N, C-alpha and C. Protein backbone atom coordinates (compact mmCIF):
# COMPACT_ATOMS: atom_id res chain seq x y z
N UNK A 1 70.87 86.42 86.53
CA UNK A 1 71.34 87.78 86.33
C UNK A 1 71.25 88.14 84.84
N UNK A 2 70.98 89.39 84.60
CA UNK A 2 70.86 89.83 83.22
C UNK A 2 72.23 90.09 82.62
N UNK A 3 72.28 90.05 81.29
CA UNK A 3 73.54 90.32 80.60
C UNK A 3 74.03 91.73 80.89
N UNK A 4 73.10 92.69 80.99
CA UNK A 4 73.47 94.07 81.27
C UNK A 4 74.11 94.19 82.65
N UNK A 5 73.54 93.50 83.63
CA UNK A 5 74.11 93.51 84.98
C UNK A 5 75.50 92.89 84.97
N UNK A 6 75.66 91.78 84.28
CA UNK A 6 76.97 91.10 84.19
C UNK A 6 78.01 92.02 83.55
N UNK A 7 77.61 92.73 82.52
CA UNK A 7 78.53 93.66 81.84
C UNK A 7 78.94 94.80 82.77
N UNK A 8 77.96 95.34 83.51
CA UNK A 8 78.27 96.43 84.44
C UNK A 8 79.17 95.92 85.56
N UNK A 9 78.89 94.73 86.06
CA UNK A 9 79.71 94.13 87.12
C UNK A 9 81.14 93.90 86.62
N UNK A 10 81.27 93.37 85.43
CA UNK A 10 82.61 93.12 84.87
C UNK A 10 83.35 94.44 84.66
N UNK A 11 82.66 95.46 84.18
CA UNK A 11 83.29 96.77 83.97
C UNK A 11 83.77 97.35 85.30
N UNK A 12 82.95 97.20 86.34
CA UNK A 12 83.31 97.71 87.67
C UNK A 12 84.52 96.95 88.22
N UNK A 13 84.54 95.65 88.04
CA UNK A 13 85.67 94.84 88.50
C UNK A 13 86.95 95.22 87.75
N UNK A 14 86.85 95.47 86.47
CA UNK A 14 88.02 95.88 85.67
C UNK A 14 88.53 97.24 86.13
N UNK A 15 87.61 98.15 86.43
CA UNK A 15 88.00 99.48 86.92
C UNK A 15 88.71 99.36 88.26
N UNK A 16 88.17 98.55 89.17
CA UNK A 16 88.79 98.35 90.48
C UNK A 16 90.17 97.73 90.35
N UNK A 17 90.31 96.75 89.47
CA UNK A 17 91.62 96.11 89.23
C UNK A 17 92.61 97.13 88.69
N UNK A 18 92.15 97.98 87.77
CA UNK A 18 93.00 99.02 87.19
C UNK A 18 93.49 99.98 88.28
N UNK A 19 92.58 100.43 89.15
CA UNK A 19 92.97 101.34 90.23
C UNK A 19 93.94 100.66 91.19
N UNK A 20 93.72 99.41 91.50
CA UNK A 20 94.62 98.66 92.37
C UNK A 20 96.00 98.51 91.72
N UNK A 21 96.03 98.26 90.42
CA UNK A 21 97.31 98.17 89.70
C UNK A 21 98.08 99.49 89.78
N UNK A 22 97.37 100.61 89.67
CA UNK A 22 98.00 101.93 89.77
C UNK A 22 98.59 102.12 91.16
N UNK A 23 97.81 101.84 92.19
CA UNK A 23 98.26 102.03 93.57
C UNK A 23 99.45 101.13 93.89
N UNK A 24 99.43 99.90 93.37
CA UNK A 24 100.54 98.98 93.62
C UNK A 24 101.78 99.32 92.80
N UNK A 25 101.62 100.08 91.73
CA UNK A 25 102.78 100.51 90.93
C UNK A 25 103.58 101.59 91.66
N UNK A 26 102.95 102.26 92.61
CA UNK A 26 103.63 103.31 93.38
C UNK A 26 104.45 102.63 94.47
N UNK A 27 105.75 102.91 94.49
CA UNK A 27 106.63 102.23 95.45
C UNK A 27 106.50 102.77 96.87
N UNK A 28 105.98 103.99 97.03
CA UNK A 28 105.77 104.54 98.37
C UNK A 28 104.67 103.75 99.07
N UNK A 29 104.81 103.53 100.38
CA UNK A 29 103.75 102.85 101.13
C UNK A 29 102.45 103.66 101.12
N UNK A 30 101.37 102.98 100.78
CA UNK A 30 100.02 103.56 100.81
C UNK A 30 99.16 102.58 101.59
N UNK A 31 98.41 103.11 102.56
CA UNK A 31 97.61 102.23 103.41
C UNK A 31 96.38 102.94 103.92
N UNK A 32 95.43 102.15 104.41
CA UNK A 32 94.28 102.65 105.14
C UNK A 32 94.25 101.90 106.46
N UNK A 33 94.07 102.66 107.55
CA UNK A 33 93.98 102.07 108.88
C UNK A 33 92.68 102.47 109.55
N UNK A 34 92.21 101.59 110.44
CA UNK A 34 91.05 101.94 111.24
C UNK A 34 91.53 102.67 112.50
N UNK A 35 90.60 103.04 113.35
CA UNK A 35 90.96 103.83 114.54
C UNK A 35 91.82 103.05 115.53
N UNK A 36 91.91 101.74 115.37
CA UNK A 36 92.73 100.91 116.26
C UNK A 36 94.12 100.62 115.67
N UNK A 37 94.40 101.24 114.51
CA UNK A 37 95.70 101.04 113.88
C UNK A 37 95.81 99.77 113.07
N UNK A 38 94.70 99.11 112.82
CA UNK A 38 94.69 97.88 112.01
C UNK A 38 94.56 98.24 110.53
N UNK A 39 95.25 97.47 109.71
CA UNK A 39 95.22 97.71 108.27
C UNK A 39 93.91 97.27 107.65
N UNK A 40 93.32 98.16 106.88
CA UNK A 40 92.16 97.85 106.06
C UNK A 40 92.57 97.72 104.60
N UNK A 41 93.70 98.34 104.25
CA UNK A 41 94.25 98.28 102.91
C UNK A 41 95.75 98.53 103.00
N UNK A 42 96.51 97.84 102.17
CA UNK A 42 97.95 98.07 102.08
C UNK A 42 98.38 97.83 100.63
N UNK A 43 99.22 98.72 100.13
CA UNK A 43 99.72 98.49 98.77
C UNK A 43 101.00 97.64 98.82
N UNK A 44 101.49 97.29 97.65
CA UNK A 44 102.68 96.46 97.54
C UNK A 44 103.90 97.16 98.15
N UNK A 45 103.98 98.48 98.01
CA UNK A 45 105.11 99.22 98.58
C UNK A 45 105.23 99.04 100.08
N UNK A 46 104.12 99.06 100.77
CA UNK A 46 104.13 98.84 102.22
C UNK A 46 104.41 97.38 102.53
N UNK A 47 103.77 96.48 101.83
CA UNK A 47 103.97 95.05 102.07
C UNK A 47 105.43 94.67 101.86
N UNK A 48 106.08 95.25 100.85
CA UNK A 48 107.50 94.97 100.61
C UNK A 48 108.34 95.40 101.81
N UNK A 49 108.01 96.53 102.41
CA UNK A 49 108.74 97.02 103.57
C UNK A 49 108.67 96.01 104.72
N UNK A 50 107.52 95.38 104.86
CA UNK A 50 107.31 94.42 105.95
C UNK A 50 107.51 92.97 105.50
N UNK A 51 108.05 92.80 104.29
CA UNK A 51 108.41 91.48 103.78
C UNK A 51 107.21 90.52 103.76
N UNK A 52 106.08 91.02 103.24
CA UNK A 52 104.86 90.22 103.15
C UNK A 52 104.11 90.61 101.88
N UNK A 53 102.86 90.25 101.79
CA UNK A 53 102.00 90.65 100.67
C UNK A 53 100.82 91.43 101.24
N UNK A 54 100.24 92.32 100.43
CA UNK A 54 99.17 93.19 100.95
C UNK A 54 98.02 92.44 101.63
N UNK A 55 97.54 91.37 101.04
CA UNK A 55 96.38 90.66 101.61
C UNK A 55 96.65 90.13 103.01
N UNK A 56 97.89 89.79 103.32
CA UNK A 56 98.22 89.25 104.64
C UNK A 56 98.31 90.34 105.71
N UNK A 57 98.24 91.60 105.31
CA UNK A 57 98.33 92.71 106.25
C UNK A 57 96.96 93.11 106.81
N UNK A 58 95.91 92.77 106.10
CA UNK A 58 94.57 93.21 106.46
C UNK A 58 94.18 92.65 107.84
N UNK A 59 93.70 93.56 108.72
CA UNK A 59 93.26 93.17 110.05
C UNK A 59 94.37 93.11 111.09
N UNK A 60 95.59 93.37 110.67
CA UNK A 60 96.73 93.31 111.60
C UNK A 60 97.28 94.72 111.80
N UNK A 61 98.03 94.90 112.90
CA UNK A 61 98.71 96.18 113.10
C UNK A 61 100.21 95.99 112.82
N UNK A 62 100.97 97.07 112.94
CA UNK A 62 102.39 97.02 112.60
C UNK A 62 103.18 96.04 113.45
N UNK A 63 102.81 95.90 114.72
CA UNK A 63 103.59 95.03 115.61
C UNK A 63 103.56 93.57 115.16
N UNK A 64 102.51 93.18 114.47
CA UNK A 64 102.44 91.82 113.95
C UNK A 64 103.64 91.53 113.03
N UNK A 65 104.08 92.55 112.31
CA UNK A 65 105.17 92.39 111.34
C UNK A 65 106.53 92.76 111.91
N UNK A 66 106.54 93.73 112.84
CA UNK A 66 107.82 94.23 113.33
C UNK A 66 108.17 93.75 114.73
N UNK A 67 107.15 93.42 115.52
CA UNK A 67 107.38 93.07 116.91
C UNK A 67 107.65 94.29 117.77
N UNK A 68 107.61 95.48 117.18
CA UNK A 68 107.91 96.72 117.88
C UNK A 68 106.62 97.33 118.44
N UNK A 69 106.34 97.03 119.70
CA UNK A 69 105.11 97.49 120.35
C UNK A 69 105.09 99.01 120.50
N UNK A 70 106.21 99.61 120.89
CA UNK A 70 106.27 101.06 121.09
C UNK A 70 106.01 101.81 119.78
N UNK A 71 106.62 101.34 118.71
CA UNK A 71 106.43 101.98 117.41
C UNK A 71 104.96 101.85 116.98
N UNK A 72 104.38 100.68 117.18
CA UNK A 72 102.98 100.47 116.82
C UNK A 72 102.07 101.37 117.63
N UNK A 73 102.35 101.52 118.92
CA UNK A 73 101.55 102.40 119.78
C UNK A 73 101.62 103.83 119.26
N UNK A 74 102.81 104.28 118.88
CA UNK A 74 102.99 105.62 118.34
C UNK A 74 102.20 105.81 117.04
N UNK A 75 102.28 104.82 116.14
CA UNK A 75 101.54 104.89 114.88
C UNK A 75 100.03 104.96 115.14
N UNK A 76 99.54 104.14 116.07
CA UNK A 76 98.11 104.11 116.38
C UNK A 76 97.65 105.42 117.00
N UNK A 77 98.44 105.97 117.92
CA UNK A 77 98.10 107.26 118.53
C UNK A 77 98.03 108.36 117.47
N UNK A 78 98.93 108.30 116.50
CA UNK A 78 98.93 109.28 115.42
C UNK A 78 97.64 109.17 114.59
N UNK A 79 97.24 107.94 114.27
CA UNK A 79 96.00 107.72 113.52
C UNK A 79 94.81 108.26 114.32
N UNK A 80 94.78 107.98 115.60
CA UNK A 80 93.67 108.44 116.44
C UNK A 80 93.63 109.97 116.52
N UNK A 81 94.80 110.60 116.57
CA UNK A 81 94.86 112.07 116.61
C UNK A 81 94.33 112.67 115.31
N UNK A 82 94.65 112.05 114.20
CA UNK A 82 94.17 112.54 112.90
C UNK A 82 92.65 112.39 112.83
N UNK A 83 92.14 111.25 113.28
CA UNK A 83 90.69 111.04 113.28
C UNK A 83 90.00 112.07 114.18
N UNK A 84 90.56 112.29 115.34
CA UNK A 84 89.96 113.25 116.28
C UNK A 84 89.96 114.66 115.72
N UNK A 85 91.05 115.04 115.05
CA UNK A 85 91.15 116.40 114.52
C UNK A 85 90.29 116.60 113.27
N UNK A 86 90.01 115.49 112.57
CA UNK A 86 89.28 115.54 111.30
C UNK A 86 89.96 116.48 110.29
N UNK A 87 91.29 116.57 110.40
CA UNK A 87 92.07 117.37 109.46
C UNK A 87 93.27 116.54 109.00
N UNK A 88 93.62 116.70 107.74
CA UNK A 88 94.80 115.99 107.27
C UNK A 88 96.04 116.56 107.94
N UNK A 89 97.02 115.70 108.14
CA UNK A 89 98.26 116.10 108.80
C UNK A 89 99.45 115.50 108.09
N UNK A 90 100.56 116.20 108.16
CA UNK A 90 101.83 115.66 107.70
C UNK A 90 102.63 115.31 108.94
N UNK A 91 103.07 114.06 109.01
CA UNK A 91 103.75 113.54 110.19
C UNK A 91 105.08 112.94 109.75
N UNK A 92 106.11 113.11 110.57
CA UNK A 92 107.41 112.50 110.31
C UNK A 92 107.56 111.31 111.25
N UNK A 93 107.81 110.12 110.65
CA UNK A 93 107.88 108.90 111.44
C UNK A 93 109.02 108.02 110.93
N UNK A 94 109.43 107.09 111.79
CA UNK A 94 110.45 106.12 111.42
C UNK A 94 109.82 104.74 111.41
N UNK A 95 110.31 103.88 110.51
CA UNK A 95 109.84 102.49 110.44
C UNK A 95 111.03 101.61 110.11
N UNK A 96 110.97 100.38 110.57
CA UNK A 96 112.05 99.43 110.35
C UNK A 96 111.75 98.55 109.14
N UNK A 97 112.71 98.47 108.21
CA UNK A 97 112.61 97.59 107.06
C UNK A 97 113.01 96.19 107.51
N UNK A 98 112.09 95.25 107.46
CA UNK A 98 112.37 93.92 107.99
C UNK A 98 113.40 93.16 107.16
N UNK A 99 113.53 93.49 105.88
CA UNK A 99 114.51 92.80 105.03
C UNK A 99 115.93 93.16 105.43
N UNK A 100 116.15 94.44 105.73
CA UNK A 100 117.51 94.93 105.99
C UNK A 100 117.76 95.25 107.47
N UNK A 101 116.69 95.43 108.24
CA UNK A 101 116.84 95.84 109.64
C UNK A 101 117.12 97.33 109.78
N UNK A 102 117.18 98.03 108.67
CA UNK A 102 117.48 99.47 108.70
C UNK A 102 116.24 100.27 109.09
N UNK A 103 116.50 101.39 109.74
CA UNK A 103 115.43 102.32 110.05
C UNK A 103 115.30 103.31 108.89
N UNK A 104 114.08 103.47 108.43
CA UNK A 104 113.80 104.43 107.36
C UNK A 104 112.99 105.58 107.95
N UNK A 105 113.23 106.76 107.44
CA UNK A 105 112.52 107.96 107.86
C UNK A 105 111.47 108.28 106.81
N UNK A 106 110.26 108.60 107.27
CA UNK A 106 109.15 108.86 106.36
C UNK A 106 108.47 110.19 106.67
N UNK A 107 108.03 110.82 105.61
CA UNK A 107 107.11 111.96 105.68
C UNK A 107 105.77 111.38 105.25
N UNK A 108 104.81 111.36 106.18
CA UNK A 108 103.53 110.69 105.91
C UNK A 108 102.39 111.70 105.88
N UNK A 109 101.64 111.68 104.80
CA UNK A 109 100.40 112.45 104.71
C UNK A 109 99.29 111.55 105.23
N UNK A 110 98.58 112.01 106.25
CA UNK A 110 97.49 111.23 106.86
C UNK A 110 96.19 112.02 106.69
N UNK A 111 95.23 111.37 106.04
CA UNK A 111 93.97 112.03 105.72
C UNK A 111 92.81 111.22 106.32
N UNK A 112 92.04 111.84 107.22
CA UNK A 112 90.89 111.12 107.80
C UNK A 112 89.72 111.09 106.81
N UNK A 113 88.95 110.02 106.88
CA UNK A 113 87.72 109.94 106.09
C UNK A 113 86.78 108.94 106.76
N UNK A 114 85.52 109.03 106.41
CA UNK A 114 84.52 108.09 106.90
C UNK A 114 84.20 107.14 105.76
N UNK A 115 84.34 105.82 106.01
CA UNK A 115 84.09 104.85 104.94
C UNK A 115 82.59 104.65 104.72
N UNK A 116 82.27 103.77 103.78
CA UNK A 116 80.86 103.56 103.42
C UNK A 116 80.05 102.88 104.52
N UNK A 117 80.70 102.40 105.58
CA UNK A 117 79.99 101.81 106.72
C UNK A 117 79.83 102.82 107.86
N UNK A 118 80.31 104.08 107.63
CA UNK A 118 80.21 105.10 108.65
C UNK A 118 81.33 105.05 109.67
N UNK A 119 82.40 104.29 109.38
CA UNK A 119 83.52 104.14 110.31
C UNK A 119 84.63 105.13 109.98
N UNK A 120 85.28 105.64 111.02
CA UNK A 120 86.40 106.55 110.84
C UNK A 120 87.65 105.76 110.42
N UNK A 121 88.28 106.21 109.36
CA UNK A 121 89.52 105.61 108.86
C UNK A 121 90.50 106.71 108.50
N UNK A 122 91.74 106.31 108.26
CA UNK A 122 92.77 107.24 107.82
C UNK A 122 93.52 106.61 106.65
N UNK A 123 93.63 107.35 105.56
CA UNK A 123 94.48 106.93 104.45
C UNK A 123 95.83 107.59 104.65
N UNK A 124 96.89 106.82 104.45
CA UNK A 124 98.25 107.30 104.69
C UNK A 124 99.09 107.05 103.45
N UNK A 125 99.78 108.09 103.00
CA UNK A 125 100.75 107.96 101.92
C UNK A 125 102.08 108.42 102.49
N UNK A 126 103.03 107.49 102.55
CA UNK A 126 104.32 107.77 103.19
C UNK A 126 105.42 107.85 102.13
N UNK A 127 106.25 108.87 102.25
CA UNK A 127 107.38 109.04 101.33
C UNK A 127 108.67 108.83 102.12
N UNK A 128 109.51 107.95 101.61
CA UNK A 128 110.78 107.66 102.27
C UNK A 128 111.72 108.85 102.07
N UNK A 129 112.10 109.48 103.19
CA UNK A 129 113.00 110.64 103.14
C UNK A 129 114.33 110.31 103.84
N UNK A 130 114.66 109.02 103.92
CA UNK A 130 115.88 108.59 104.60
C UNK A 130 117.11 109.26 104.02
N UNK A 131 117.22 109.33 102.71
CA UNK A 131 118.39 109.96 102.08
C UNK A 131 118.51 111.42 102.48
N UNK A 132 117.40 112.13 102.52
CA UNK A 132 117.41 113.55 102.90
C UNK A 132 117.85 113.71 104.36
N UNK A 133 117.32 112.87 105.25
CA UNK A 133 117.67 112.94 106.67
C UNK A 133 119.15 112.62 106.85
N UNK A 134 119.64 111.61 106.14
CA UNK A 134 121.06 111.23 106.24
C UNK A 134 121.96 112.37 105.76
N UNK A 135 121.62 112.97 104.63
CA UNK A 135 122.42 114.10 104.11
C UNK A 135 122.40 115.27 105.08
N UNK A 136 121.27 115.54 105.68
CA UNK A 136 121.16 116.64 106.64
C UNK A 136 122.06 116.39 107.85
N UNK A 137 122.04 115.16 108.36
CA UNK A 137 122.88 114.82 109.51
C UNK A 137 124.36 114.94 109.16
N UNK A 138 124.74 114.49 107.96
CA UNK A 138 126.13 114.60 107.53
C UNK A 138 126.54 116.06 107.38
N UNK A 139 125.65 116.89 106.85
CA UNK A 139 125.95 118.31 106.70
C UNK A 139 126.12 118.97 108.06
N UNK A 140 125.30 118.59 109.03
CA UNK A 140 125.40 119.17 110.36
C UNK A 140 126.72 118.75 111.03
N UNK A 141 127.15 117.50 110.83
CA UNK A 141 128.43 117.05 111.38
C UNK A 141 129.58 117.83 110.77
N UNK A 142 129.53 118.03 109.46
CA UNK A 142 130.58 118.76 108.76
C UNK A 142 130.64 120.21 109.23
N UNK A 143 129.48 120.80 109.44
CA UNK A 143 129.37 122.19 109.87
C UNK A 143 129.99 122.39 111.26
N UNK A 144 129.86 121.39 112.14
CA UNK A 144 130.36 121.49 113.51
C UNK A 144 131.89 121.37 113.58
N UNK A 145 132.50 120.79 112.55
CA UNK A 145 133.95 120.57 112.57
C UNK A 145 134.74 121.83 112.35
């Protein structure tokens, strides 16, 4: 290999590492799933939720980590609906934190795209809105009294 090629390769690897560091610095779960609901990418924020590391999530679906088949089916159906519509969607979903056993509420932006192999995928950025949902429920209880 030529020195120029090595330099370009090293620069590309450094750029990819930098982008991965940025994505992993974001505490919100960020992931890419295929049409079957299997992870193609997961950031540290998502891996922390499932008490694992990102690399161990690749090729698996949510049930592998949670054991919750119904929840996984719902997540997969949502991914398939986004792919079919070919339009980004905002979806409200719940997920279980394996460390605490608590249910968290998420507002998830799901964006379909075709990867470099021509396969349909969905990138998902989920924001934990548990505090907002909890406050809303408490306000509704107070209002009814």
